[in-house]
Amino acid sequence: MPTKDEYIRKMHSKLDHCNAEIDKLAAKASQSKAEMRAEYDQQVKELRSKWEEAKNNLERLQSAGEGAWEDMKAGMEMAWNAIGEAVDSAKSRFK
């Protein structure tokens, strides 16, 4: 079982990777045809919102005491799963 610090580093790395994927999708959206651009821009906006939520959860987890962080970890996992699924879904639509 990872320590709190190991878990936080792992999640920061995942969030950084996810942010890079969102940036790639935003670049594709900006290069898409006008009729599709609005839809793609909306998807990117939603992804960024989910990313912010996950980032905020991680910040709360970081400041949590040793006893509480295990309980908060479940919320972080849920937020991570939501953004991961959303990014995967958007990537498949952007192809």
N, C-alpha and C. Protein backbone atom coordinates (compact mmCIF):
# COMPACT_ATOMS: atom_id res chain seq x y z
N MET A 1 0.84 -1.18 0.00
CA MET A 1 0.00 0.00 0.00
C MET A 1 0.90 1.25 0.00
N PRO A 2 0.64 2.17 -0.93
CA PRO A 2 1.50 3.34 -1.02
C PRO A 2 1.30 4.28 0.17
N THR A 3 2.33 5.02 0.48
CA THR A 3 2.21 6.05 1.51
C THR A 3 1.43 7.22 0.92
N LYS A 4 1.05 8.13 1.78
CA LYS A 4 0.33 9.32 1.34
C LYS A 4 1.15 10.09 0.31
N ASP A 5 2.43 10.32 0.61
CA ASP A 5 3.28 11.08 -0.32
C ASP A 5 3.45 10.37 -1.65
N GLU A 6 3.62 9.06 -1.63
CA GLU A 6 3.75 8.29 -2.89
C GLU A 6 2.47 8.39 -3.70
N TYR A 7 1.35 8.27 -3.04
CA TYR A 7 0.06 8.34 -3.72
C TYR A 7 -0.13 9.72 -4.34
N ILE A 8 0.19 10.76 -3.60
CA ILE A 8 0.04 12.13 -4.11
C ILE A 8 0.93 12.36 -5.32
N ARG A 9 2.18 11.88 -5.26
CA ARG A 9 3.08 12.02 -6.42
C ARG A 9 2.50 11.29 -7.63
N LYS A 10 1.99 10.09 -7.41
CA LYS A 10 1.41 9.31 -8.50
C LYS A 10 0.21 10.04 -9.12
N MET A 11 -0.64 10.60 -8.28
CA MET A 11 -1.82 11.29 -8.79
C MET A 11 -1.44 12.60 -9.49
N HIS A 12 -0.44 13.29 -8.98
CA HIS A 12 0.03 14.50 -9.67
C HIS A 12 0.53 14.14 -11.07
N SER A 13 1.25 13.04 -11.16
CA SER A 13 1.76 12.59 -12.46
C SER A 13 0.61 12.27 -13.41
N LYS A 14 -0.39 11.57 -12.89
CA LYS A 14 -1.56 11.24 -13.72
C LYS A 14 -2.29 12.51 -14.18
N LEU A 15 -2.44 13.46 -13.27
CA LEU A 15 -3.12 14.70 -13.63
C LEU A 15 -2.33 15.49 -14.67
N ASP A 16 -1.01 15.50 -14.52
CA ASP A 16 -0.17 16.18 -15.52
C ASP A 16 -0.34 15.54 -16.89
N HIS A 17 -0.32 14.21 -16.92
CA HIS A 17 -0.50 13.49 -18.18
C HIS A 17 -1.88 13.79 -18.78
N CYS A 18 -2.88 13.77 -17.94
CA CYS A 18 -4.24 14.03 -18.39
C CYS A 18 -4.37 15.46 -18.93
N ASN A 19 -3.74 16.40 -18.27
CA ASN A 19 -3.76 17.79 -18.72
C ASN A 19 -3.12 17.91 -20.10
N ALA A 20 -2.03 17.18 -20.31
CA ALA A 20 -1.38 17.19 -21.63
C ALA A 20 -2.31 16.61 -22.69
N GLU A 21 -3.05 15.57 -22.35
CA GLU A 21 -4.01 14.98 -23.29
C GLU A 21 -5.13 15.98 -23.61
N ILE A 22 -5.60 16.70 -22.61
CA ILE A 22 -6.63 17.70 -22.84
C ILE A 22 -6.09 18.80 -23.75
N ASP A 23 -4.84 19.21 -23.53
CA ASP A 23 -4.23 20.23 -24.40
C ASP A 23 -4.17 19.74 -25.85
N LYS A 24 -3.84 18.46 -26.05
CA LYS A 24 -3.81 17.90 -27.41
C LYS A 24 -5.20 17.94 -28.04
N LEU A 25 -6.21 17.59 -27.25
CA LEU A 25 -7.58 17.61 -27.76
C LEU A 25 -8.02 19.04 -28.09
N ALA A 26 -7.61 19.99 -27.26
CA ALA A 26 -7.94 21.39 -27.52
C ALA A 26 -7.30 21.86 -28.82
N ALA A 27 -6.08 21.42 -29.07
CA ALA A 27 -5.40 21.78 -30.32
C ALA A 27 -6.14 21.19 -31.52
N LYS A 28 -6.57 19.93 -31.39
CA LYS A 28 -7.33 19.31 -32.48
C LYS A 28 -8.65 20.04 -32.69
N ALA A 29 -9.29 20.44 -31.60
CA ALA A 29 -10.56 21.15 -31.70
C ALA A 29 -10.38 22.46 -32.44
N SER A 30 -9.31 23.15 -32.16
CA SER A 30 -9.10 24.44 -32.82
C SER A 30 -8.81 24.30 -34.31
N GLN A 31 -8.39 23.11 -34.73
CA GLN A 31 -8.09 22.86 -36.14
C GLN A 31 -9.25 22.19 -36.87
N SER A 32 -10.32 21.92 -36.15
CA SER A 32 -11.44 21.22 -36.78
C SER A 32 -12.31 22.18 -37.57
N LYS A 33 -13.19 21.61 -38.36
CA LYS A 33 -14.12 22.41 -39.16
C LYS A 33 -15.04 23.19 -38.24
N ALA A 34 -15.48 24.32 -38.73
CA ALA A 34 -16.29 25.24 -37.91
C ALA A 34 -17.51 24.57 -37.31
N GLU A 35 -18.19 23.72 -38.07
CA GLU A 35 -19.42 23.10 -37.57
C GLU A 35 -19.15 22.12 -36.43
N MET A 36 -17.95 21.58 -36.35
CA MET A 36 -17.60 20.64 -35.28
C MET A 36 -16.87 21.34 -34.13
N ARG A 37 -16.32 22.50 -34.40
CA ARG A 37 -15.50 23.18 -33.40
C ARG A 37 -16.27 23.47 -32.12
N ALA A 38 -17.50 23.92 -32.23
CA ALA A 38 -18.29 24.26 -31.03
C ALA A 38 -18.49 23.02 -30.15
N GLU A 39 -18.79 21.90 -30.79
CA GLU A 39 -18.98 20.66 -30.03
C GLU A 39 -17.67 20.24 -29.35
N TYR A 40 -16.58 20.29 -30.07
CA TYR A 40 -15.28 19.91 -29.52
C TYR A 40 -14.86 20.87 -28.40
N ASP A 41 -15.10 22.17 -28.62
CA ASP A 41 -14.76 23.14 -27.59
C ASP A 41 -15.53 22.87 -26.30
N GLN A 42 -16.80 22.48 -26.44
CA GLN A 42 -17.62 22.17 -25.27
C GLN A 42 -17.06 20.95 -24.54
N GLN A 43 -16.65 19.94 -25.29
CA GLN A 43 -16.07 18.74 -24.67
C GLN A 43 -14.79 19.08 -23.93
N VAL A 44 -13.96 19.91 -24.53
CA VAL A 44 -12.70 20.32 -23.88
C VAL A 44 -13.02 21.10 -22.61
N LYS A 45 -14.01 21.96 -22.68
CA LYS A 45 -14.41 22.74 -21.49
C LYS A 45 -14.85 21.80 -20.36
N GLU A 46 -15.63 20.78 -20.70
CA GLU A 46 -16.08 19.82 -19.69
C GLU A 46 -14.90 19.03 -19.13
N LEU A 47 -13.95 18.66 -19.99
CA LEU A 47 -12.77 17.94 -19.52
C LEU A 47 -11.96 18.80 -18.55
N ARG A 48 -11.79 20.06 -18.90
CA ARG A 48 -11.04 20.95 -18.03
C ARG A 48 -11.74 21.11 -16.67
N SER A 49 -13.06 21.12 -16.68
CA SER A 49 -13.82 21.22 -15.43
C SER A 49 -13.59 19.97 -14.57
N LYS A 50 -13.65 18.80 -15.18
CA LYS A 50 -13.40 17.56 -14.45
C LYS A 50 -11.96 17.50 -13.94
N TRP A 51 -11.03 18.00 -14.75
CA TRP A 51 -9.63 18.03 -14.34
C TRP A 51 -9.46 18.93 -13.11
N GLU A 52 -10.11 20.09 -13.13
CA GLU A 52 -10.05 21.01 -11.99
C GLU A 52 -10.61 20.35 -10.74
N GLU A 53 -11.70 19.63 -10.90
CA GLU A 53 -12.30 18.94 -9.76
C GLU A 53 -11.33 17.91 -9.18
N ALA A 54 -10.70 17.16 -10.05
CA ALA A 54 -9.73 16.16 -9.59
C ALA A 54 -8.54 16.84 -8.92
N LYS A 55 -8.08 17.94 -9.50
CA LYS A 55 -6.96 18.69 -8.92
C LYS A 55 -7.33 19.22 -7.54
N ASN A 56 -8.54 19.75 -7.39
CA ASN A 56 -8.99 20.26 -6.10
C ASN A 56 -9.09 19.13 -5.07
N ASN A 57 -9.57 17.97 -5.51
CA ASN A 57 -9.64 16.82 -4.60
C ASN A 57 -8.24 16.43 -4.13
N LEU A 58 -7.29 16.46 -5.05
CA LEU A 58 -5.91 16.11 -4.69
C LEU A 58 -5.33 17.13 -3.71
N GLU A 59 -5.63 18.40 -3.91
CA GLU A 59 -5.14 19.43 -2.98
C GLU A 59 -5.73 19.23 -1.58
N ARG A 60 -7.01 18.87 -1.52
CA ARG A 60 -7.63 18.59 -0.21
C ARG A 60 -6.99 17.37 0.43
N LEU A 61 -6.74 16.36 -0.39
CA LEU A 61 -6.11 15.14 0.12
C LEU A 61 -4.71 15.45 0.65
N GLN A 62 -3.99 16.31 -0.05
CA GLN A 62 -2.64 16.69 0.35
C GLN A 62 -2.63 17.33 1.73
N SER A 63 -3.62 18.14 2.01
CA SER A 63 -3.65 18.85 3.28
C SER A 63 -4.34 18.05 4.39
N ALA A 64 -4.87 16.91 4.07
CA ALA A 64 -5.56 16.07 5.06
C ALA A 64 -4.55 15.44 6.01
N GLY A 65 -4.99 15.20 7.20
CA GLY A 65 -4.16 14.53 8.19
C GLY A 65 -3.95 13.07 7.80
N GLU A 66 -3.01 12.45 8.46
CA GLU A 66 -2.66 11.06 8.15
C GLU A 66 -3.85 10.12 8.27
N GLY A 67 -4.71 10.33 9.23
CA GLY A 67 -5.85 9.44 9.41
C GLY A 67 -6.94 9.65 8.37
N ALA A 68 -7.14 10.89 7.93
CA ALA A 68 -8.24 11.21 7.02
C ALA A 68 -7.91 10.94 5.57
N TRP A 69 -6.65 10.90 5.21
CA TRP A 69 -6.32 10.81 3.79
C TRP A 69 -6.79 9.51 3.17
N GLU A 70 -6.79 8.42 3.93
CA GLU A 70 -7.27 7.14 3.40
C GLU A 70 -8.74 7.23 3.01
N ASP A 71 -9.54 7.92 3.83
CA ASP A 71 -10.95 8.09 3.51
C ASP A 71 -11.13 8.97 2.28
N MET A 72 -10.31 9.99 2.15
CA MET A 72 -10.42 10.90 1.02
C MET A 72 -9.91 10.28 -0.27
N LYS A 73 -9.09 9.27 -0.14
CA LYS A 73 -8.51 8.60 -1.31
C LYS A 73 -9.61 8.04 -2.23
N ALA A 74 -10.68 7.54 -1.64
CA ALA A 74 -11.79 7.01 -2.44
C ALA A 74 -12.40 8.09 -3.33
N GLY A 75 -12.56 9.30 -2.80
CA GLY A 75 -13.08 10.41 -3.60
C GLY A 75 -12.13 10.78 -4.72
N MET A 76 -10.85 10.71 -4.44
CA MET A 76 -9.85 11.01 -5.47
C MET A 76 -9.91 9.97 -6.57
N GLU A 77 -10.06 8.72 -6.20
CA GLU A 77 -10.15 7.65 -7.20
C GLU A 77 -11.38 7.84 -8.08
N MET A 78 -12.50 8.24 -7.48
CA MET A 78 -13.72 8.48 -8.26
C MET A 78 -13.52 9.63 -9.24
N ALA A 79 -12.89 10.70 -8.77
CA ALA A 79 -12.65 11.85 -9.65
C ALA A 79 -11.69 11.46 -10.77
N TRP A 80 -10.67 10.68 -10.44
CA TRP A 80 -9.72 10.25 -11.46
C TRP A 80 -10.41 9.37 -12.50
N ASN A 81 -11.24 8.43 -12.05
CA ASN A 81 -11.95 7.56 -12.99
C ASN A 81 -12.85 8.37 -13.92
N ALA A 82 -13.51 9.38 -13.37
CA ALA A 82 -14.41 10.21 -14.19
C ALA A 82 -13.64 10.96 -15.26
N ILE A 83 -12.54 11.56 -14.90
CA ILE A 83 -11.78 12.32 -15.90
C ILE A 83 -11.11 11.38 -16.90
N GLY A 84 -10.61 10.25 -16.43
CA GLY A 84 -9.99 9.29 -17.34
C GLY A 84 -10.96 8.79 -18.39
N GLU A 85 -12.17 8.45 -17.96
CA GLU A 85 -13.20 7.99 -18.90
C GLU A 85 -13.60 9.10 -19.86
N ALA A 86 -13.72 10.33 -19.34
CA ALA A 86 -14.11 11.46 -20.19
C ALA A 86 -13.05 11.76 -21.24
N VAL A 87 -11.78 11.70 -20.86
CA VAL A 87 -10.70 11.95 -21.83
C VAL A 87 -10.69 10.85 -22.88
N ASP A 88 -10.81 9.60 -22.46
CA ASP A 88 -10.84 8.49 -23.42
C ASP A 88 -12.00 8.63 -24.40
N SER A 89 -13.15 8.99 -23.87
CA SER A 89 -14.33 9.17 -24.73
C SER A 89 -14.12 10.31 -25.72
N ALA A 90 -13.58 11.41 -25.25
CA ALA A 90 -13.34 12.55 -26.15
C ALA A 90 -12.28 12.20 -27.20
N LYS A 91 -11.25 11.49 -26.80
CA LYS A 91 -10.23 11.11 -27.77
C LYS A 91 -10.82 10.24 -28.88
N SER A 92 -11.73 9.35 -28.53
CA SER A 92 -12.33 8.50 -29.55
C SER A 92 -13.24 9.32 -30.48
N ARG A 93 -13.88 10.35 -29.97
CA ARG A 93 -14.73 11.20 -30.80
C ARG A 93 -13.93 12.15 -31.67
N PHE A 94 -12.74 12.51 -31.23
CA PHE A 94 -11.92 13.47 -31.97
C PHE A 94 -11.17 12.81 -33.12
N LYS A 95 -11.17 11.50 -33.20
CA LYS A 95 -10.41 10.82 -34.27
C LYS A 95 -11.01 11.05 -35.61
